[in-house]
Amino acid sequence: MADAPPKTDPKSASAGSKQPKPPGNRPDFATIGGIALALAGILGGLLLEKGSLQDVAQMTAAMIVLGGTLGAVLVTTPLPVFLRACKGLGGVFFEKGDSTAAIVGSLIRYATLARKNGIVSLETEAAAIQDPFLRKALSLAVDGTDLQELRKMMELDISLSEIASEAEARVWEAAGGYAPTIGIIGAVLGLIQVMKNLEDIRAVGHGIAVAFVATVYGVASANIFFLPVANKLRGRTRAAAMMRDLALEGVVGIVEGLNPTLLRTKLEAYNQESHKPVKGKSARTTAKPAPSGQPAPGGG
């Protein structure tokens, strides 16, 4: 009578293929703190100069600047791109908790499994990956896609993603360019109203002060929010492209059958934390060897 096959524990069988839960988004304290610090500095300076917050709390000026800027951006930008830019604004205040070390660890685990059981054994692993880019790359590798073709396809994905992200950043860059000019338009409109009441000199002074609030709104919104947001989104794009490039290089190494230890060494180049200078060591240059025939410094 043939022996029955050994029973396997379902929990232990699924433990090896269980995917770690991807980290969620976390607040970007640099963005939040930067905006808060800029507003605190500007408004604090106003208060130190015996001013009042009511001096700059002008709803009419805000409506002129924000409405005019929004209209100009809509004329410049296709509506789908504008909607994507608004939806992606959350990426300025929140950053993904992706860890380079965690991605490298996952790729090394896939490489180890592929060397033991063959790359086809990663089919279940690939289907459970949360990241769409890595899931697609590893699935193509499991399906036996030619390595050169796989690299071309995934590099095309990276390039198209960068183009789309750059288009979204340009929306806010355009807003930063229009806002100061719209603010000047608001100031001119306020001065027009002032000129209608020149008989009251006190009202003229007050009206001029109120008119220039639109200029403040335009310049402040451009340099505190719109332009920094565009640059922040570009930084996010570069970081995402680097993570995708890391994933692609890892999958290519798996297809090539690279030793997991060598693959880890290769992928660690993407870990920016590993490039920090060692504390306690000064940036001194290495001592040059003494010329031939001369004793080395400190020698007897």
Protein backbone atom coordinates (compact mmCIF):
# COMPACT_ATOMS: atom_id res chain seq x y z
CA MET A 1 0.00 0.00 0.00
CA ALA A 2 1.52 3.37 -1.01
CA ASP A 3 2.25 5.84 1.69
CA ALA A 4 -0.09 8.83 1.85
CA PRO A 5 1.50 12.16 0.99
CA PRO A 6 2.48 14.19 4.03
CA LYS A 7 -0.08 16.72 5.12
CA THR A 8 0.94 20.35 4.99
CA ASP A 9 -0.25 23.00 7.34
CA PRO A 10 -2.26 25.62 5.37
CA LYS A 11 -0.95 28.37 7.61
CA SER A 12 2.68 27.42 7.04
CA ALA A 13 2.10 26.97 3.31
CA SER A 14 0.64 30.42 2.93
CA ALA A 15 3.19 32.08 5.19
CA GLY A 16 5.89 32.07 2.53
CA SER A 17 3.69 33.71 -0.08
CA LYS A 18 2.04 36.24 2.21
CA GLN A 19 2.74 39.75 1.01
CA PRO A 20 3.63 42.43 3.53
CA LYS A 21 1.00 45.08 3.85
CA PRO A 22 2.18 48.21 2.01
CA PRO A 23 2.80 51.20 4.26
CA GLY A 24 0.18 53.92 4.11
CA ASN A 25 0.66 57.59 3.42
CA ARG A 26 2.12 59.74 6.14
CA PRO A 27 1.91 63.50 6.59
CA ASP A 28 4.69 65.51 4.98
CA PHE A 29 5.72 67.72 7.87
CA ALA A 30 8.13 69.64 5.64
CA THR A 31 5.25 70.94 3.51
CA ILE A 32 2.91 71.59 6.43
CA GLY A 33 5.61 73.18 8.56
CA GLY A 34 6.97 75.22 5.67
CA ILE A 35 3.61 76.80 4.85
CA ALA A 36 2.92 77.44 8.53
CA LEU A 37 6.36 79.02 9.02
CA ALA A 38 5.96 81.27 5.96
CA LEU A 39 2.53 82.50 7.07
CA ALA A 40 3.73 82.97 10.63
CA GLY A 41 6.69 85.04 9.45
CA ILE A 42 4.62 87.27 7.17
CA LEU A 43 1.70 87.80 9.53
CA GLY A 44 4.01 88.08 12.52
CA GLY A 45 5.93 90.85 10.79
CA LEU A 46 2.66 92.60 10.03
CA LEU A 47 1.66 92.49 13.69
CA LEU A 48 5.08 93.73 14.83
CA GLU A 49 4.61 96.74 12.58
CA LYS A 50 1.43 97.61 14.51
CA GLY A 51 -0.71 96.18 11.74
CA SER A 52 -3.86 94.12 12.03
CA LEU A 53 -4.97 90.87 10.46
CA GLN A 54 -8.03 92.74 9.19
CA ASP A 55 -5.69 94.76 6.99
CA VAL A 56 -5.09 91.72 4.77
CA ALA A 57 -8.40 89.89 5.30
CA GLN A 58 -10.08 91.08 2.13
CA MET A 59 -12.50 88.61 0.55
CA THR A 60 -12.81 90.72 -2.60
CA ALA A 61 -9.07 90.60 -3.21
CA ALA A 62 -8.99 86.84 -2.60
CA MET A 63 -11.86 86.32 -5.02
CA ILE A 64 -10.14 88.37 -7.73
CA VAL A 65 -6.77 86.61 -7.36
CA LEU A 66 -7.96 83.03 -6.91
CA GLY A 67 -10.79 83.28 -9.44
CA GLY A 68 -8.65 84.99 -12.06
CA THR A 69 -5.77 82.56 -11.55
CA LEU A 70 -8.07 79.55 -11.78
CA GLY A 71 -9.61 80.86 -14.99
CA ALA A 72 -6.22 81.50 -16.59
CA VAL A 73 -5.02 78.00 -15.64
CA LEU A 74 -8.13 76.43 -17.15
CA VAL A 75 -7.51 78.29 -20.42
CA THR A 76 -3.92 77.03 -20.44
CA THR A 77 -4.46 73.43 -19.31
CA PRO A 78 -6.69 70.65 -20.68
CA LEU A 79 -9.45 69.80 -18.23
CA PRO A 80 -8.38 66.16 -17.61
CA VAL A 81 -4.86 67.31 -16.72
CA PHE A 82 -6.25 70.01 -14.40
CA LEU A 83 -8.48 67.49 -12.63
CA ARG A 84 -5.53 65.09 -12.21
CA ALA A 85 -3.45 67.92 -10.79
CA CYS A 86 -6.15 68.77 -8.25
CA LYS A 87 -6.50 65.11 -7.31
CA GLY A 88 -2.73 64.75 -6.93
CA LEU A 89 -2.52 67.76 -4.63
CA GLY A 90 -2.76 65.37 -1.69
CA GLY A 91 0.68 64.08 -2.63
CA VAL A 92 2.10 67.43 -1.54
CA PHE A 93 0.81 67.15 2.02
CA PHE A 94 1.22 63.38 2.32
CA GLU A 95 4.10 61.18 1.25
CA LYS A 96 4.13 57.47 0.60
CA GLY A 97 5.70 55.32 3.27
CA ASP A 98 7.62 53.25 0.72
CA SER A 99 10.93 52.08 2.09
CA THR A 100 13.83 51.26 -0.21
CA ALA A 101 15.02 48.62 2.24
CA ALA A 102 11.59 46.94 2.24
CA ILE A 103 11.45 46.81 -1.58
CA VAL A 104 14.99 45.46 -1.76
CA GLY A 105 14.09 42.83 0.83
CA SER A 106 11.07 41.72 -1.21
CA LEU A 107 13.14 41.50 -4.40
CA ILE A 108 15.81 39.45 -2.64
CA ARG A 109 13.12 37.08 -1.37
CA TYR A 110 11.78 36.68 -4.91
CA ALA A 111 15.31 36.05 -6.21
CA THR A 112 15.91 33.38 -3.57
CA LEU A 113 12.65 31.61 -4.41
CA ALA A 114 13.41 31.79 -8.13
CA ARG A 115 16.84 30.19 -7.67
CA LYS A 116 15.38 27.38 -5.57
CA ASN A 117 12.17 26.59 -7.45
CA GLY A 118 12.49 28.38 -10.78
CA ILE A 119 11.08 31.72 -11.85
CA VAL A 120 7.71 30.14 -12.73
CA SER A 121 7.17 29.53 -8.99
CA LEU A 122 6.78 33.31 -8.55
CA GLU A 123 3.45 33.38 -10.39
CA THR A 124 1.44 33.39 -7.16
CA GLU A 125 3.80 35.91 -5.59
CA ALA A 126 3.46 38.26 -8.56
CA ALA A 127 -0.33 38.21 -8.46
CA ALA A 128 -0.32 39.27 -4.79
CA ILE A 129 2.01 42.28 -5.20
CA GLN A 130 0.32 45.58 -4.35
CA ASP A 131 2.55 47.84 -6.44
CA PRO A 132 1.19 47.82 -10.05
CA PHE A 133 4.60 48.46 -11.62
CA LEU A 134 6.41 45.67 -9.80
CA ARG A 135 3.46 43.30 -10.30
CA LYS A 136 3.50 43.93 -14.06
CA ALA A 137 7.27 43.55 -14.35
CA LEU A 138 7.41 40.33 -12.37
CA SER A 139 4.39 38.89 -14.19
CA LEU A 140 6.06 39.54 -17.55
CA ALA A 141 9.19 37.85 -16.26
CA VAL A 142 7.23 34.81 -15.09
CA ASP A 143 5.49 34.60 -18.48
CA GLY A 144 8.90 34.28 -20.14
CA THR A 145 9.00 37.67 -21.85
CA ASP A 146 12.30 38.40 -23.56
CA LEU A 147 14.55 40.37 -21.23
CA GLN A 148 15.20 43.20 -23.68
CA GLU A 149 11.50 43.49 -24.49
CA LEU A 150 10.62 43.48 -20.80
CA ARG A 151 13.06 46.28 -20.10
CA LYS A 152 11.73 48.36 -23.00
CA MET A 153 8.12 47.94 -21.88
CA MET A 154 8.80 48.88 -18.27
CA GLU A 155 11.07 51.81 -19.17
CA LEU A 156 8.24 53.07 -21.39
CA ASP A 157 5.92 52.90 -18.38
CA ILE A 158 8.41 54.94 -16.34
CA SER A 159 8.75 57.56 -19.08
CA LEU A 160 4.99 57.93 -19.59
CA SER A 161 4.45 58.23 -15.84
CA GLU A 162 7.06 60.97 -15.64
CA ILE A 163 5.44 62.84 -18.55
CA ALA A 164 2.02 62.70 -16.87
CA SER A 165 3.45 63.87 -13.53
CA GLU A 166 5.34 66.72 -15.21
CA ALA A 167 2.09 67.89 -16.85
CA GLU A 168 0.44 68.02 -13.41
CA ALA A 169 3.36 69.99 -11.95
CA ARG A 170 3.10 72.51 -14.78
CA VAL A 171 -0.48 73.26 -13.79
CA TRP A 172 0.67 74.67 -10.45
CA GLU A 173 3.70 76.30 -12.04
CA ALA A 174 1.35 78.12 -14.43
CA ALA A 175 -0.79 79.22 -11.48
CA GLY A 176 2.34 80.61 -9.82
CA GLY A 177 3.06 82.63 -12.94
CA TYR A 178 -0.45 84.05 -13.32
CA ALA A 179 -1.24 84.85 -9.67
CA PRO A 180 1.08 87.90 -9.24
CA THR A 181 -0.23 89.46 -12.47
CA ILE A 182 -3.83 88.89 -11.45
CA GLY A 183 -2.96 90.50 -8.12
CA ILE A 184 -1.77 93.62 -9.93
CA ILE A 185 -5.03 93.67 -11.88
CA GLY A 186 -6.91 93.54 -8.57
CA ALA A 187 -4.83 96.43 -7.23
CA VAL A 188 -5.58 98.52 -10.33
CA LEU A 189 -9.30 97.81 -9.99
CA GLY A 190 -9.13 98.96 -6.38
CA LEU A 191 -7.33 102.16 -7.36
CA ILE A 192 -10.01 102.88 -9.93
CA GLN A 193 -12.59 102.83 -7.17
CA VAL A 194 -10.38 105.08 -5.04
CA MET A 195 -10.13 107.67 -7.78
CA LYS A 196 -13.90 108.09 -7.71
CA ASN A 197 -13.75 109.51 -4.18
CA LEU A 198 -10.79 111.88 -4.19
CA GLU A 199 -12.67 114.50 -2.16
CA ASP A 200 -12.16 112.48 1.04
CA ILE A 201 -8.41 112.21 1.58
CA ARG A 202 -8.77 109.79 4.50
CA ALA A 203 -10.92 107.47 2.42
CA VAL A 204 -8.35 107.69 -0.37
CA GLY A 205 -5.56 106.47 1.91
CA HIS A 206 -7.67 103.62 3.23
CA GLY A 207 -8.77 102.63 -0.28
CA ILE A 208 -5.20 102.54 -1.59
CA ALA A 209 -4.16 100.28 1.30
CA VAL A 210 -7.03 97.91 0.60
CA ALA A 211 -6.29 97.92 -3.14
CA PHE A 212 -2.74 96.65 -2.65
CA VAL A 213 -3.96 93.65 -0.67
CA ALA A 214 -4.73 91.94 -3.99
CA THR A 215 -1.06 92.29 -4.93
CA VAL A 216 -0.07 90.72 -1.62
CA TYR A 217 -2.42 87.82 -2.24
CA GLY A 218 -1.09 87.24 -5.74
CA VAL A 219 2.61 87.34 -4.84
CA ALA A 220 2.15 85.37 -1.61
CA SER A 221 0.05 82.60 -3.14
CA ALA A 222 2.54 82.19 -5.99
CA ASN A 223 5.66 82.02 -3.83
CA ILE A 224 4.28 80.24 -0.77
CA PHE A 225 1.96 77.73 -2.42
CA PHE A 226 1.76 77.42 -6.22
CA LEU A 227 5.46 77.37 -7.18
CA PRO A 228 6.57 75.29 -4.16
CA VAL A 229 3.80 72.78 -4.91
CA ALA A 230 5.08 72.39 -8.49
CA ASN A 231 8.62 71.77 -7.27
CA LYS A 232 7.42 69.35 -4.58
CA LEU A 233 5.50 67.33 -7.18
CA ARG A 234 8.61 67.18 -9.37
CA GLY A 235 10.55 65.85 -6.42
CA ARG A 236 7.89 63.22 -5.84
CA THR A 237 8.14 62.27 -9.52
CA ARG A 238 11.90 61.78 -9.33
CA ALA A 239 11.57 59.67 -6.19
CA ALA A 240 8.85 57.49 -7.76
CA ALA A 241 10.92 57.02 -10.92
CA MET A 242 13.89 55.91 -8.83
CA MET A 243 11.76 53.35 -6.97
CA ARG A 244 10.41 51.98 -10.27
CA ASP A 245 13.93 51.79 -11.66
CA LEU A 246 14.95 49.89 -8.52
CA ALA A 247 12.08 47.42 -9.03
CA LEU A 248 12.98 46.98 -12.71
CA GLU A 249 16.65 46.30 -11.97
CA GLY A 250 15.61 43.78 -9.33
CA VAL A 251 13.32 41.90 -11.73
CA VAL A 252 16.03 41.92 -14.42
CA GLY A 253 18.47 40.45 -11.89
CA ILE A 254 15.95 37.74 -11.03
CA VAL A 255 15.50 36.84 -14.70
CA GLU A 256 19.26 36.72 -15.19
CA GLY A 257 19.57 34.36 -12.22
CA LEU A 258 21.82 36.74 -10.31
CA ASN A 259 22.98 35.56 -6.91
CA PRO A 260 20.74 37.13 -4.23
CA THR A 261 23.78 38.45 -2.36
CA LEU A 262 25.15 40.14 -5.48
CA LEU A 263 21.67 41.42 -6.32
CA ARG A 264 21.36 42.98 -2.87
CA THR A 265 24.73 44.69 -3.31
CA LYS A 266 23.58 46.06 -6.66
CA LEU A 267 20.22 47.32 -5.37
CA GLU A 268 21.67 48.88 -2.23
CA ALA A 269 23.02 51.65 -4.47
CA TYR A 270 19.44 52.97 -4.59
CA ASN A 271 19.28 53.23 -0.78
CA GLN A 272 20.05 56.87 -0.05
CA GLU A 273 20.37 56.11 3.66
CA SER A 274 23.46 54.03 2.93
CA HIS A 275 25.23 57.03 1.38
CA LYS A 276 25.27 59.11 4.55
CA PRO A 277 28.76 60.17 5.68
CA VAL A 278 30.18 58.30 8.64
CA LYS A 279 30.09 60.40 11.80
CA GLY A 280 33.32 61.17 13.59
CA LYS A 281 35.45 61.15 10.45
CA SER A 282 36.70 64.38 8.95
CA ALA A 283 36.92 64.95 5.23
CA ARG A 284 40.71 64.77 5.22
CA THR A 285 42.51 63.67 2.10
CA THR A 286 44.58 60.55 2.15
CA ALA A 287 48.24 61.22 2.81
CA LYS A 288 50.35 61.01 -0.33
CA PRO A 289 53.18 58.50 -0.31
CA ALA A 290 56.61 60.00 0.22
CA PRO A 291 58.83 60.31 -2.88
CA SER A 292 61.34 57.54 -3.41
CA GLY A 293 64.52 58.06 -1.46
CA GLN A 294 62.88 60.21 1.22
CA PRO A 295 61.68 58.93 4.60
CA ALA A 296 57.98 58.96 5.27
CA PRO A 297 56.69 61.65 7.66
CA GLY A 298 57.26 60.61 11.24
CA GLY A 299 59.81 58.00 10.26
CA GLY A 300 63.07 57.59 12.08
